[in-house]
N, C-alpha and C. Protein backbone atom coordinates (compact mmCIF):
# COMPACT_ATOMS: atom_id res chain seq x y z
N MET A 1 123.97 85.82 108.55
CA MET A 1 122.20 84.69 107.86
C MET A 1 121.10 85.96 108.36
N SER A 2 120.41 86.35 107.93
CA SER A 2 119.84 88.14 108.10
C SER A 2 118.27 87.41 108.70
N ARG A 3 118.25 88.07 109.46
CA ARG A 3 116.79 88.14 110.33
C ARG A 3 115.32 88.15 109.58
N ASP A 4 114.68 87.88 110.45
CA ASP A 4 113.08 88.35 109.59
C ASP A 4 112.55 89.85 110.48
N LEU A 5 112.85 90.94 109.00
CA LEU A 5 112.12 91.92 109.37
C LEU A 5 110.66 92.36 109.86
N ILE A 6 110.32 93.03 110.59
CA ILE A 6 108.44 92.93 111.35
C ILE A 6 108.42 94.69 111.60
N TYR A 7 107.35 94.63 111.42
CA TYR A 7 107.03 96.60 110.75
C TYR A 7 105.64 96.52 112.46
N LEU A 8 106.40 97.68 113.31
CA LEU A 8 105.32 98.34 114.28
C LEU A 8 104.14 99.17 113.53
N SER A 9 103.50 98.53 114.49
CA SER A 9 102.04 99.29 114.43
C SER A 9 100.65 99.68 115.24
N GLY A 10 100.54 101.15 115.25
CA GLY A 10 99.83 101.46 116.27
C GLY A 10 99.47 102.89 116.22
N GLY A 11 98.97 103.27 117.10
CA GLY A 11 97.62 104.58 117.47
C GLY A 11 99.78 105.64 117.15
N ILE A 12 100.02 106.41 116.29
CA ILE A 12 100.87 107.99 116.82
C ILE A 12 99.81 108.88 117.18
N SER A 13 99.47 109.93 115.95
CA SER A 13 98.65 110.89 115.93
C SER A 13 97.62 111.15 117.02
N LYS A 14 97.27 110.25 118.20
CA LYS A 14 96.17 110.38 119.22
C LYS A 14 96.46 110.16 120.31
N ASN A 15 98.21 109.50 119.96
CA ASN A 15 98.83 108.73 121.13
C ASN A 15 99.58 109.59 122.07
N PRO A 16 99.74 110.44 122.81
CA PRO A 16 100.74 110.93 123.33
C PRO A 16 101.66 110.35 124.15
N HIS A 17 102.15 108.73 124.35
CA HIS A 17 102.98 108.09 124.68
C HIS A 17 103.09 107.12 123.91
N TYR A 18 103.13 107.54 121.64
CA TYR A 18 103.73 106.90 121.55
C TYR A 18 104.34 106.30 121.24
N LYS A 19 105.77 107.48 121.47
CA LYS A 19 106.99 106.98 120.90
C LYS A 19 107.26 105.79 122.72
N ARG A 20 106.54 105.97 124.02
CA ARG A 20 107.17 105.25 124.42
C ARG A 20 107.07 104.09 124.00
N ASP A 21 105.07 103.32 124.11
CA ASP A 21 104.76 102.67 123.20
C ASP A 21 104.96 102.12 122.29
N PHE A 22 105.95 102.13 121.36
CA PHE A 22 106.62 102.18 120.14
C PHE A 22 108.61 101.47 120.33
N ALA A 23 108.65 102.47 121.19
CA ALA A 23 110.26 101.39 121.70
C ALA A 23 109.74 100.65 122.89
N ARG A 24 108.85 100.21 123.46
CA ARG A 24 109.02 98.87 124.51
C ARG A 24 108.49 98.20 123.31
N GLY A 25 107.15 98.08 121.90
CA GLY A 25 107.58 96.97 121.24
C GLY A 25 108.40 96.75 120.16
N GLU A 26 109.43 97.88 120.27
CA GLU A 26 110.84 97.03 119.60
C GLU A 26 112.07 96.28 120.82
N ARG A 27 111.41 97.15 121.90
CA ARG A 27 112.81 95.84 122.42
C ARG A 27 112.28 94.49 122.60
N LYS A 28 110.59 94.74 122.21
CA LYS A 28 109.88 93.29 122.51
C LYS A 28 110.36 92.27 121.17
N MET A 29 110.69 92.44 120.07
CA MET A 29 110.72 92.02 118.92
C MET A 29 111.70 91.92 118.25
N ARG A 30 113.60 92.80 118.80
CA ARG A 30 114.24 92.51 118.42
C ARG A 30 114.85 91.37 120.24
N SER A 31 114.51 91.63 120.77
CA SER A 31 114.87 90.50 121.79
C SER A 31 114.35 89.05 121.51
N ALA A 32 113.13 88.60 120.13
CA ALA A 32 112.53 87.26 119.94
C ALA A 32 113.15 87.86 118.68
N GLY A 33 114.28 88.08 118.51
CA GLY A 33 115.05 87.76 117.15
C GLY A 33 114.63 88.54 115.73
N PHE A 34 113.80 89.72 116.14
CA PHE A 34 113.76 90.34 114.80
C PHE A 34 114.47 91.69 114.21
N ASP A 35 114.78 92.00 113.29
CA ASP A 35 114.82 93.40 112.64
C ASP A 35 114.21 94.34 113.02
N VAL A 36 113.86 95.50 113.12
CA VAL A 36 112.59 96.30 112.84
C VAL A 36 112.51 96.96 112.69
N ILE A 37 111.05 97.24 112.46
CA ILE A 37 110.97 98.51 111.23
C ILE A 37 110.25 99.68 112.46
N ASN A 38 109.79 101.17 112.61
CA ASN A 38 109.72 101.88 113.88
C ASN A 38 109.19 102.72 113.43
N PRO A 39 108.07 102.83 112.81
CA PRO A 39 108.02 103.90 112.48
C PRO A 39 107.93 105.15 112.98
N ALA A 40 107.69 105.08 114.50
CA ALA A 40 107.66 106.21 115.45
C ALA A 40 108.94 106.43 115.37
N LYS A 41 109.99 106.08 114.67
CA LYS A 41 111.75 107.05 114.84
C LYS A 41 111.84 107.08 113.90
N ILE A 42 110.95 106.51 112.60
CA ILE A 42 111.53 107.10 111.45
C ILE A 42 110.49 107.99 110.97
N ILE A 43 109.32 108.12 111.28
CA ILE A 43 108.86 109.10 110.64
C ILE A 43 109.09 110.57 111.11
N ALA A 44 109.77 110.46 112.15
CA ALA A 44 110.42 112.15 112.76
C ALA A 44 111.56 112.57 111.49
N THR A 45 111.46 112.28 110.98
CA THR A 45 113.07 112.08 109.83
C THR A 45 112.75 113.10 108.44
N VAL A 46 111.35 112.60 108.75
CA VAL A 46 111.06 112.67 106.98
C VAL A 46 110.03 113.24 107.16
N PRO A 47 109.94 115.29 106.42
CA PRO A 47 108.66 115.93 106.75
C PRO A 47 107.87 115.89 106.09
N LEU A 48 106.50 115.21 106.23
CA LEU A 48 105.79 114.53 104.95
C LEU A 48 104.89 115.83 105.41
N ARG A 49 103.96 115.76 104.79
CA ARG A 49 102.97 116.76 104.84
C ARG A 49 100.87 116.61 104.96
N SER A 50 101.09 115.37 105.02
CA SER A 50 99.30 114.74 105.77
C SER A 50 99.57 113.61 105.75
N HIS A 51 98.67 113.21 106.45
CA HIS A 51 98.02 112.02 106.98
C HIS A 51 97.97 110.53 106.11
N GLU A 52 97.98 111.19 104.62
CA GLU A 52 97.78 110.47 103.85
C GLU A 52 99.33 110.24 103.03
N ASP A 53 100.04 111.02 103.04
CA ASP A 53 101.58 110.67 102.70
C ASP A 53 102.00 110.05 103.51
N TYR A 54 101.96 109.79 105.16
CA TYR A 54 102.28 109.52 105.97
C TYR A 54 101.76 107.72 105.61
N MET A 55 100.63 107.47 104.82
CA MET A 55 100.21 106.36 104.99
C MET A 55 100.80 105.28 104.35
N ASP A 56 101.19 106.31 103.10
CA ASP A 56 101.59 105.94 101.38
C ASP A 56 103.03 105.35 101.77
N VAL A 57 103.96 106.16 102.46
CA VAL A 57 105.13 105.74 103.37
C VAL A 57 105.27 104.42 104.01
N SER A 58 104.37 104.25 105.30
CA SER A 58 104.39 103.50 106.09
C SER A 58 103.69 102.37 105.42
N LEU A 59 103.29 101.70 104.34
CA LEU A 59 102.44 100.72 103.50
C LEU A 59 103.70 100.43 103.57
N ALA A 60 104.18 101.10 102.41
CA ALA A 60 105.43 100.83 101.60
C ALA A 60 106.08 100.46 102.66
N TRP A 61 106.32 100.67 103.46
CA TRP A 61 107.46 99.53 104.90
C TRP A 61 106.89 98.61 104.92
N LEU A 62 105.37 98.90 105.71
CA LEU A 62 105.41 96.98 105.58
C LEU A 62 104.82 96.52 104.75
N ASP A 63 104.81 96.58 103.38
CA ASP A 63 105.29 95.51 102.44
C ASP A 63 106.94 95.11 102.33
N LYS A 64 107.82 95.10 102.77
CA LYS A 64 108.96 95.26 102.79
C LYS A 64 108.95 94.48 103.95
N ALA A 65 108.50 94.38 104.89
CA ALA A 65 108.29 93.04 106.59
C ALA A 65 108.00 91.70 106.17
N GLN A 66 108.54 90.77 106.48
CA GLN A 66 108.08 89.73 106.49
C GLN A 66 106.74 89.62 107.89
N ALA A 67 106.73 90.53 108.65
CA ALA A 67 105.77 90.14 110.05
C ALA A 67 105.24 92.03 110.12
N VAL A 68 103.92 91.87 111.36
CA VAL A 68 103.54 93.29 111.20
C VAL A 68 102.64 93.18 112.79
N TYR A 69 103.59 93.81 113.61
CA TYR A 69 103.27 93.57 114.82
C TYR A 69 102.46 94.12 116.19
N MET A 70 101.31 93.87 116.39
CA MET A 70 100.33 95.20 116.50
C MET A 70 100.45 95.44 117.88
N LEU A 71 100.32 96.49 118.08
CA LEU A 71 100.78 96.70 119.52
C LEU A 71 99.24 97.38 120.61
N CYS A 72 99.28 97.40 121.60
CA CYS A 72 98.00 97.60 121.83
C CYS A 72 97.40 99.65 122.14
N GLY A 73 96.26 98.97 122.07
CA GLY A 73 95.82 100.50 121.26
C GLY A 73 95.79 100.89 120.14
N TRP A 74 96.02 99.79 118.96
CA TRP A 74 96.11 99.71 117.59
C TRP A 74 94.66 100.48 117.04
N SER A 75 93.59 99.30 117.74
CA SER A 75 92.16 99.58 116.89
C SER A 75 91.58 101.11 117.01
N THR A 76 92.02 101.74 117.74
CA THR A 76 91.76 102.34 118.07
C THR A 76 92.21 103.92 117.43
N SER A 77 93.17 103.78 116.05
CA SER A 77 94.12 103.97 115.26
C SER A 77 93.48 103.94 113.52
N GLU A 78 93.44 104.87 113.09
CA GLU A 78 92.64 104.81 111.39
C GLU A 78 94.12 104.34 111.29
N GLY A 79 95.26 105.04 111.39
CA GLY A 79 96.06 104.33 110.49
C GLY A 79 96.58 102.47 110.54
N ALA A 80 96.91 102.02 111.74
CA ALA A 80 96.58 101.16 112.03
C ALA A 80 96.49 100.47 111.48
N GLN A 81 94.36 100.55 111.73
CA GLN A 81 93.83 99.88 110.95
C GLN A 81 94.12 99.45 109.42
N ILE A 82 94.23 100.52 108.95
CA ILE A 82 94.59 100.93 107.65
C ILE A 82 95.44 99.33 107.66
N GLU A 83 96.87 99.75 107.96
CA GLU A 83 97.42 98.90 108.06
C GLU A 83 97.49 96.79 107.98
N HIS A 84 97.00 96.76 109.10
CA HIS A 84 96.12 95.35 109.17
C HIS A 84 95.99 95.10 108.77
N ARG A 85 94.78 95.57 108.00
CA ARG A 85 93.47 95.22 106.55
C ARG A 85 94.66 95.18 105.17
N HIS A 86 95.96 95.65 105.50
CA HIS A 86 96.59 95.82 104.06
C HIS A 86 97.41 94.73 104.58
N ALA A 87 97.77 93.98 106.25
CA ALA A 87 98.70 93.16 105.44
C ALA A 87 97.69 91.44 106.17
N GLN A 88 96.57 91.80 106.19
CA GLN A 88 95.36 91.10 106.40
C GLN A 88 95.53 90.37 104.17
N VAL A 89 95.99 91.14 103.67
CA VAL A 89 94.69 91.01 102.56
C VAL A 89 95.89 90.82 100.97
N LYS A 90 97.51 91.45 102.12
CA LYS A 90 99.17 90.76 101.03
C LYS A 90 99.13 89.05 101.65
N GLY A 91 98.10 89.06 102.95
CA GLY A 91 98.85 87.61 103.29
C GLY A 91 99.95 88.07 103.88
N ILE A 92 100.63 89.08 104.78
CA ILE A 92 101.76 89.15 105.76
C ILE A 92 100.82 88.78 107.00
N PRO A 93 101.89 87.85 108.22
CA PRO A 93 101.46 87.24 109.25
C PRO A 93 101.32 88.55 110.03
N VAL A 94 100.49 88.70 111.09
CA VAL A 94 99.75 89.51 112.11
C VAL A 94 100.09 88.70 113.46
N PHE A 95 100.82 90.03 114.49
CA PHE A 95 101.31 89.14 115.91
C PHE A 95 100.40 90.06 116.32
N TYR A 96 100.07 90.43 117.32
CA TYR A 96 99.67 91.73 118.69
C TYR A 96 100.69 90.62 119.62
N GLU A 97 100.62 92.50 120.17
CA GLU A 97 101.71 92.08 121.67
C GLU A 97 100.17 91.85 122.59
N ASP A 98 101.00 91.30 123.93
CA ASP A 98 100.07 90.76 125.41
C ASP A 98 99.19 92.14 125.31
N GLY A 99 97.90 91.59 125.63
CA GLY A 99 96.22 92.83 125.25
C GLY A 99 96.17 93.34 124.34
N ALA A 100 96.99 93.08 123.03
CA ALA A 100 96.12 93.96 122.37
C ALA A 100 94.85 93.23 121.90
N GLU A 101 93.69 94.71 120.70
CA GLU A 101 92.78 93.90 120.15
C GLU A 101 93.13 93.33 118.80
N ARG A 102 92.71 91.65 119.51
CA ARG A 102 93.18 90.83 117.87
C ARG A 102 92.27 91.49 116.60
N GLU A 103 90.74 91.77 116.63
CA GLU A 103 90.58 92.61 115.69
C GLU A 103 89.99 93.74 115.72
N ARG A 104 89.49 94.55 115.25
CA ARG A 104 88.37 95.56 115.12
C ARG A 104 87.26 95.45 114.27
């Protein structure tokens, strides 16, 4: 039986602690029974040339997930704001880390 896939969304480019924050989110979601798409891990392996390229790939990953998990501080990230809007438009359920903003 396969588990639901959840995409982690949060600030990366302006967050010096993004690896720690995404690792925390991944641990929480795995312990909740999800398989996790962690872009902070994946992006390090893909030599993209621009933020726009990164967002194209990120939204494709998000489209494969059954839900998105917004990390604390997501609302200050342009990319995470785009992911949040994309999930809402596509009807992908949005969950929030404890303490995370609910809307931008």
